[in-house]
Amino acid sequence: MATQNIKYVGISVGIVSRGSSGGDTTAPTIDDFDPPVGTPLSRSDFVSFTVTDPAPGLLIAAVLVEHKGQSLVVHDGFLFKGEFTNLSSRTPITVGESYRFRVKPNGGWITAPVFSVIAGDAAGNLTPG
């Protein structure tokens, strides 16, 4: 399929450690982006990334996207929402430690997506995006 004139802009990630005073103070990470940031996308491409908590205890990873001029919830930490329900997936790599997200809206990409990912672990460490 021909590549559209849109580019995957990337995932907005900021790291804030809010861990408890004793123990895990490392926030979850978001990495292993596919395709890499700035890569042209076709309408049928998936955007994938991994959310990992280096210490077991990943509780939630919520995903939002700017797409078609709107801010949309892709995954609320438990389920895919709206136009992301049919094609997207979240696969555990190591239960309680990491998940691989594979995201595409039901109708494909119309505009370049910009993702925000918020991940939190049992110790209270957050990675807001």
C-alpha atoms as a PDB file:
ATOM      1  CA  MET A   1       0.000   0.000   0.000  1.00  0.00           C
ATOM      2  CA  ALA A   2       1.281   3.498  -0.828  1.00  0.00           C
ATOM      3  CA  THR A   3       2.588   5.645   1.999  1.00  0.00           C
ATOM      4  CA  GLN A   4       0.479   8.678   2.818  1.00  0.00           C
ATOM      5  CA  ASN A   5       2.034  12.062   3.345  1.00  0.00           C
ATOM      6  CA  ILE A   6       1.815  11.804   7.129  1.00  0.00           C
ATOM      7  CA  LYS A   7       4.489  11.037   9.666  1.00  0.00           C
ATOM      8  CA  TYR A   8       4.300   9.338  12.999  1.00  0.00           C
ATOM      9  CA  VAL A   9       5.263  12.186  15.286  1.00  0.00           C
ATOM     10  CA  GLY A  10       6.046  10.119  18.348  1.00  0.00           C
ATOM     11  CA  ILE A  11       5.133   9.488  21.928  1.00  0.00           C
ATOM     12  CA  SER A  12       5.233  12.265  24.486  1.00  0.00           C
ATOM     13  CA  VAL A  13       6.876  10.894  27.601  1.00  0.00           C
ATOM     14  CA  GLY A  14       8.007  12.605  30.770  1.00  0.00           C
ATOM     15  CA  ILE A  15       9.334  10.668  33.743  1.00  0.00           C
ATOM     16  CA  VAL A  16       8.353  11.558  37.278  1.00  0.00           C
ATOM     17  CA  SER A  17       9.264   9.320  40.196  1.00  0.00           C
ATOM     18  CA  ARG A  18       6.725   9.396  43.023  1.00  0.00           C
ATOM     19  CA  GLY A  19       7.654   6.176  44.748  1.00  0.00           C
ATOM     20  CA  SER A  20       7.162   5.347  48.377  1.00  0.00           C
ATOM     21  CA  SER A  21       9.980   6.098  50.784  1.00  0.00           C
ATOM     22  CA  GLY A  22      11.147   2.502  51.055  1.00  0.00           C
ATOM     23  CA  GLY A  23      11.874   0.484  47.940  1.00  0.00           C
ATOM     24  CA  ASP A  24      10.925   0.944  44.335  1.00  0.00           C
ATOM     25  CA  THR A  25      11.417   4.533  43.152  1.00  0.00           C
ATOM     26  CA  THR A  26      11.832   3.769  39.445  1.00  0.00           C
ATOM     27  CA  ALA A  27       9.005   4.814  37.137  1.00  0.00           C
ATOM     28  CA  PRO A  28       7.842   2.563  34.289  1.00  0.00           C
ATOM     29  CA  THR A  29       9.438   3.187  30.879  1.00  0.00           C
ATOM     30  CA  ILE A  30       7.923   3.503  27.419  1.00  0.00           C
ATOM     31  CA  ASP A  31      10.227   2.431  24.593  1.00  0.00           C
ATOM     32  CA  ASP A  32      10.817   0.127  21.612  1.00  0.00           C
ATOM     33  CA  PHE A  33       8.801   2.318  19.244  1.00  0.00           C
ATOM     34  CA  ASP A  34       7.868   0.831  15.874  1.00  0.00           C
ATOM     35  CA  PRO A  35       7.980   2.558  13.489  1.00  0.00           C
ATOM     36  CA  PRO A  36      10.641   4.967  14.723  1.00  0.00           C
ATOM     37  CA  VAL A  37       9.594   8.579  15.291  1.00  0.00           C
ATOM     38  CA  GLY A  38       9.393  10.542  12.034  1.00  0.00           C
ATOM     39  CA  THR A  39       8.723   7.499   9.852  1.00  0.00           C
ATOM     40  CA  PRO A  40       6.070   7.967   7.158  1.00  0.00           C
ATOM     41  CA  LEU A  41       2.925   5.922   7.847  1.00  0.00           C
ATOM     42  CA  SER A  42       0.458   4.357   5.488  1.00  0.00           C
ATOM     43  CA  ARG A  43      -3.161   4.262   6.526  1.00  0.00           C
ATOM     44  CA  SER A  44      -2.833   0.548   7.368  1.00  0.00           C
ATOM     45  CA  ASP A  45       0.316   0.720   9.547  1.00  0.00           C
ATOM     46  CA  PHE A  46       0.282  -0.158  13.229  1.00  0.00           C
ATOM     47  CA  VAL A  47       2.162   1.934  15.800  1.00  0.00           C
ATOM     48  CA  SER A  48       3.732  -0.239  18.516  1.00  0.00           C
ATOM     49  CA  PHE A  49       5.571   0.417  21.774  1.00  0.00           C
ATOM     50  CA  THR A  50       6.406  -1.360  25.026  1.00  0.00           C
ATOM     51  CA  VAL A  51       5.562  -0.232  28.563  1.00  0.00           C
ATOM     52  CA  THR A  52       7.852  -1.810  31.176  1.00  0.00           C
ATOM     53  CA  ASP A  53       8.201  -1.543  34.935  1.00  0.00           C
ATOM     54  CA  PRO A  54      11.737  -2.599  35.929  1.00  0.00           C
ATOM     55  CA  ALA A  55      10.450  -3.726  39.339  1.00  0.00           C
ATOM     56  CA  PRO A  56       7.385  -5.974  39.129  1.00  0.00           C
ATOM     57  CA  GLY A  57       4.164  -4.165  39.858  1.00  0.00           C
ATOM     58  CA  LEU A  58       2.995  -2.395  36.676  1.00  0.00           C
ATOM     59  CA  LEU A  59      -0.618  -1.537  37.458  1.00  0.00           C
ATOM     60  CA  ILE A  60      -1.862   0.653  34.651  1.00  0.00           C
ATOM     61  CA  ALA A  61      -0.842   2.008  31.287  1.00  0.00           C
ATOM     62  CA  ALA A  62      -3.323   4.426  29.720  1.00  0.00           C
ATOM     63  CA  VAL A  63      -2.859   5.565  26.112  1.00  0.00           C
ATOM     64  CA  LEU A  64      -4.226   8.699  24.457  1.00  0.00           C
ATOM     65  CA  VAL A  65      -3.683   9.981  20.916  1.00  0.00           C
ATOM     66  CA  GLU A  66      -4.111  13.209  18.980  1.00  0.00           C
ATOM     67  CA  HIS A  67      -5.695  12.063  15.711  1.00  0.00           C
ATOM     68  CA  LYS A  68      -7.996  13.781  13.219  1.00  0.00           C
ATOM     69  CA  GLY A  69      -7.824  16.986  15.256  1.00  0.00           C
ATOM     70  CA  GLN A  70      -9.151  15.267  18.375  1.00  0.00           C
ATOM     71  CA  SER A  71      -7.758  13.943  21.632  1.00  0.00           C
ATOM     72  CA  LEU A  72      -8.905  10.316  21.862  1.00  0.00           C
ATOM     73  CA  VAL A  73      -8.584   7.633  24.533  1.00  0.00           C
ATOM     74  CA  VAL A  74      -6.961   4.580  22.932  1.00  0.00           C
ATOM     75  CA  HIS A  75      -6.708   2.437  26.070  1.00  0.00           C
ATOM     76  CA  ASP A  76      -7.978   3.440  29.513  1.00  0.00           C
ATOM     77  CA  GLY A  77      -5.636   1.107  31.387  1.00  0.00           C
ATOM     78  CA  PHE A  78      -8.063  -1.785  31.137  1.00  0.00           C
ATOM     79  CA  LEU A  79      -9.743  -1.764  27.687  1.00  0.00           C
ATOM     80  CA  PHE A  80      -9.330  -0.292  24.222  1.00  0.00           C
ATOM     81  CA  LYS A  81     -11.911   2.387  23.475  1.00  0.00           C
ATOM     82  CA  GLY A  82     -13.896   3.732  20.538  1.00  0.00           C
ATOM     83  CA  GLU A  83     -12.297   3.401  17.132  1.00  0.00           C
ATOM     84  CA  PHE A  84      -9.319   1.499  18.586  1.00  0.00           C
ATOM     85  CA  THR A  85     -11.316  -1.552  19.774  1.00  0.00           C
ATOM     86  CA  ASN A  86     -11.226  -3.768  16.666  1.00  0.00           C
ATOM     87  CA  LEU A  87      -7.586  -3.713  15.506  1.00  0.00           C
ATOM     88  CA  SER A  88      -5.455  -2.706  18.494  1.00  0.00           C
ATOM     89  CA  SER A  89      -3.914  -5.107  21.004  1.00  0.00           C
ATOM     90  CA  ARG A  90      -2.064  -5.177  24.324  1.00  0.00           C
ATOM     91  CA  THR A  91       0.049  -8.289  24.854  1.00  0.00           C
ATOM     92  CA  PRO A  92       1.721  -9.112  28.168  1.00  0.00           C
ATOM     93  CA  ILE A  93       5.430  -9.769  27.720  1.00  0.00           C
ATOM     94  CA  THR A  94       5.954 -10.491  31.411  1.00  0.00           C
ATOM     95  CA  VAL A  95       2.750 -10.296  33.449  1.00  0.00           C
ATOM     96  CA  GLY A  96       2.919  -7.430  35.929  1.00  0.00           C
ATOM     97  CA  GLU A  97       6.092  -6.070  34.358  1.00  0.00           C
ATOM     98  CA  SER A  98       5.625  -5.234  30.671  1.00  0.00           C
ATOM     99  CA  TYR A  99       3.093  -4.961  27.880  1.00  0.00           C
ATOM    100  CA  ARG A 100       3.446  -4.512  24.124  1.00  0.00           C
ATOM    101  CA  PHE A 101       0.854  -2.174  22.614  1.00  0.00           C
ATOM    102  CA  ARG A 102      -0.028  -2.399  18.915  1.00  0.00           C
ATOM    103  CA  VAL A 103      -2.339   0.440  17.888  1.00  0.00           C
ATOM    104  CA  LYS A 104      -4.357   1.313  14.780  1.00  0.00           C
ATOM    105  CA  PRO A 105      -7.782   2.959  14.531  1.00  0.00           C
ATOM    106  CA  ASN A 106     -10.554   0.960  12.850  1.00  0.00           C
ATOM    107  CA  GLY A 107     -10.473   3.182   9.743  1.00  0.00           C
ATOM    108  CA  GLY A 108      -6.679   3.524   9.637  1.00  0.00           C
ATOM    109  CA  TRP A 109      -4.576   6.633  10.158  1.00  0.00           C
ATOM    110  CA  ILE A 110      -6.063   9.729   8.545  1.00  0.00           C
ATOM    111  CA  THR A 111      -3.623  12.193  10.137  1.00  0.00           C
ATOM    112  CA  ALA A 112      -0.273  11.837  11.884  1.00  0.00           C
ATOM    113  CA  PRO A 113      -0.821  10.445  15.400  1.00  0.00           C
ATOM    114  CA  VAL A 114       0.791  11.909  18.501  1.00  0.00           C
ATOM    115  CA  PHE A 115       0.582   9.593  21.514  1.00  0.00           C
ATOM    116  CA  SER A 116       0.604  10.260  25.258  1.00  0.00           C
ATOM    117  CA  VAL A 117       1.165   7.322  27.565  1.00  0.00           C
ATOM    118  CA  ILE A 118       0.658   7.325  31.323  1.00  0.00           C
ATOM    119  CA  ALA A 119       2.014   4.318  33.232  1.00  0.00           C
ATOM    120  CA  GLY A 120       1.934   3.654  36.960  1.00  0.00           C
ATOM    121  CA  ASP A 121       3.210   0.920  39.227  1.00  0.00           C
ATOM    122  CA  ALA A 122       2.237  -0.472  42.633  1.00  0.00           C
ATOM    123  CA  ALA A 123       4.796   1.720  44.430  1.00  0.00           C
ATOM    124  CA  GLY A 124       3.155   4.887  43.098  1.00  0.00           C
ATOM    125  CA  ASN A 125       5.776   5.696  40.467  1.00  0.00           C
ATOM    126  CA  LEU A 126       4.260   7.387  37.400  1.00  0.00           C
ATOM    127  CA  THR A 127       5.436   8.000  33.880  1.00  0.00           C
ATOM    128  CA  PRO A 128       3.100  10.712  32.618  1.00  0.00           C
ATOM    129  CA  GLY A 129       3.047  11.676  28.963  1.00  0.00           C
END
